[in-house]
Amino acid sequence: MQGVVGRDVELETAQELARHAALNALAAAVQAVGDLDRVRIVQMLVFVASTPDFGEQSKVANAASELLIEVLGENGRHARTAIGVAGLPLNSPVEIQVICTAV
């Protein structure tokens, strides 16, 4: 999907996109360490392409955080930053960076 949250993309859609991005990051982590049980999320940085008056970036990020905790339990708890930005590559509404470790 493409667009800006608060203009082209509704909050609920942005939350679903954040969950999808978290699943993609989790899949990459599993591929790197070989097993879901070995993945521990340390930190997540969530970028939300949003209008200047949109102030719910944390609600977008919550969707991804909650998914990681649901899937990984305590290994999914992490530090997190959610940032509103003017634009993202390919006009994506949400981008996530995850730092993880193998346990």
Protein backbone atom coordinates (compact mmCIF):
# COMPACT_ATOMS: atom_id res chain seq x y z
CA MET A 1 0.00 0.00 0.00
CA GLN A 2 1.06 3.56 -0.52
CA GLY A 3 0.07 6.86 1.03
CA VAL A 4 0.24 9.05 4.09
CA VAL A 5 -1.43 8.13 7.36
CA GLY A 6 -4.02 10.71 8.32
CA ARG A 7 -4.68 11.62 4.68
CA ASP A 8 -4.72 8.54 2.42
CA VAL A 9 -4.46 5.78 5.03
CA GLU A 10 -6.73 5.29 8.05
CA LEU A 11 -5.32 4.43 11.50
CA GLU A 12 -6.70 0.88 11.39
CA THR A 13 -5.08 0.22 8.02
CA ALA A 14 -1.77 1.62 9.26
CA GLN A 15 -1.98 -0.72 12.26
CA GLU A 16 -2.51 -3.71 9.96
CA LEU A 17 0.46 -2.59 7.84
CA ALA A 18 2.58 -2.33 11.00
CA ARG A 19 1.61 -5.89 11.98
CA HIS A 20 2.51 -7.09 8.49
CA ALA A 21 5.88 -5.32 8.65
CA ALA A 22 6.58 -6.87 12.07
CA LEU A 23 5.80 -10.33 10.69
CA ASN A 24 8.21 -9.71 7.81
CA ALA A 25 10.93 -8.65 10.25
CA LEU A 26 10.22 -11.69 12.39
CA ALA A 27 10.48 -13.98 9.36
CA ALA A 28 13.88 -12.48 8.52
CA ALA A 29 15.04 -13.01 12.11
CA VAL A 30 13.92 -16.64 12.08
CA GLN A 31 15.72 -17.20 8.81
CA ALA A 32 18.89 -15.74 10.34
CA VAL A 33 18.86 -17.78 13.56
CA GLY A 34 17.05 -20.88 12.35
CA ASP A 35 14.22 -21.17 14.87
CA LEU A 36 11.44 -18.95 16.22
CA ASP A 37 12.22 -20.02 19.79
CA ARG A 38 15.71 -18.50 19.46
CA VAL A 39 14.51 -14.98 18.52
CA ARG A 40 14.44 -12.19 21.11
CA ILE A 41 13.35 -8.69 20.11
CA VAL A 42 15.53 -5.99 21.69
CA GLN A 43 14.32 -2.80 20.05
CA MET A 44 11.88 -1.67 17.40
CA LEU A 45 11.86 1.62 15.53
CA VAL A 46 8.60 2.45 13.74
CA PHE A 47 8.44 5.15 11.09
CA VAL A 48 4.97 6.38 10.14
CA ALA A 49 4.58 8.59 7.08
CA SER A 50 1.90 10.89 8.42
CA THR A 51 0.32 14.29 8.12
CA PRO A 52 1.64 17.01 10.44
CA ASP A 53 -1.56 16.89 12.53
CA PHE A 54 -1.58 13.09 12.95
CA GLY A 55 -0.42 12.37 16.48
CA GLU A 56 -1.17 8.66 16.84
CA GLN A 57 2.11 7.14 15.66
CA SER A 58 2.30 5.24 18.95
CA LYS A 59 -1.04 3.56 18.20
CA VAL A 60 0.35 2.37 14.87
CA ALA A 61 3.46 1.04 16.60
CA ASN A 62 1.38 -0.62 19.35
CA ALA A 63 -0.09 -3.00 16.79
CA ALA A 64 3.36 -4.30 15.86
CA SER A 65 4.53 -4.45 19.49
CA GLU A 66 1.47 -6.39 20.58
CA LEU A 67 1.92 -8.89 17.74
CA LEU A 68 5.55 -9.55 18.67
CA ILE A 69 4.63 -10.11 22.31
CA GLU A 70 1.74 -12.38 21.30
CA VAL A 71 4.02 -14.51 19.11
CA LEU A 72 7.19 -14.52 21.24
CA GLY A 73 5.92 -13.96 24.78
CA GLU A 74 8.60 -12.39 26.98
CA ASN A 75 11.12 -12.65 24.14
CA GLY A 76 8.90 -10.23 22.22
CA ARG A 77 9.05 -7.44 24.83
CA HIS A 78 11.24 -4.62 23.55
CA ALA A 79 12.18 -0.98 23.71
CA ARG A 80 10.38 1.04 21.06
CA THR A 81 10.36 4.37 19.32
CA ALA A 82 7.59 5.60 17.03
CA ILE A 83 8.34 8.55 14.76
CA GLY A 84 6.19 10.50 12.35
CA VAL A 85 7.96 11.36 9.10
CA ALA A 86 7.07 13.35 6.00
CA GLY A 87 7.65 10.42 3.66
CA LEU A 88 9.12 6.94 3.28
CA PRO A 89 10.68 5.05 0.35
CA LEU A 90 8.20 3.87 -2.28
CA ASN A 91 5.55 6.06 -0.60
CA SER A 92 5.07 3.38 2.08
CA PRO A 93 2.90 4.44 5.04
CA VAL A 94 4.83 2.38 7.64
CA GLU A 95 8.39 1.11 7.94
CA ILE A 96 9.80 -0.90 10.83
CA GLN A 97 13.36 -1.57 11.92
CA VAL A 98 13.86 -4.38 14.43
CA ILE A 99 16.98 -5.19 16.41
CA CYS A 100 16.95 -8.73 17.70
CA THR A 101 19.27 -11.30 19.18
CA ALA A 102 19.46 -15.06 19.26
CA VAL A 103 18.83 -16.76 22.58
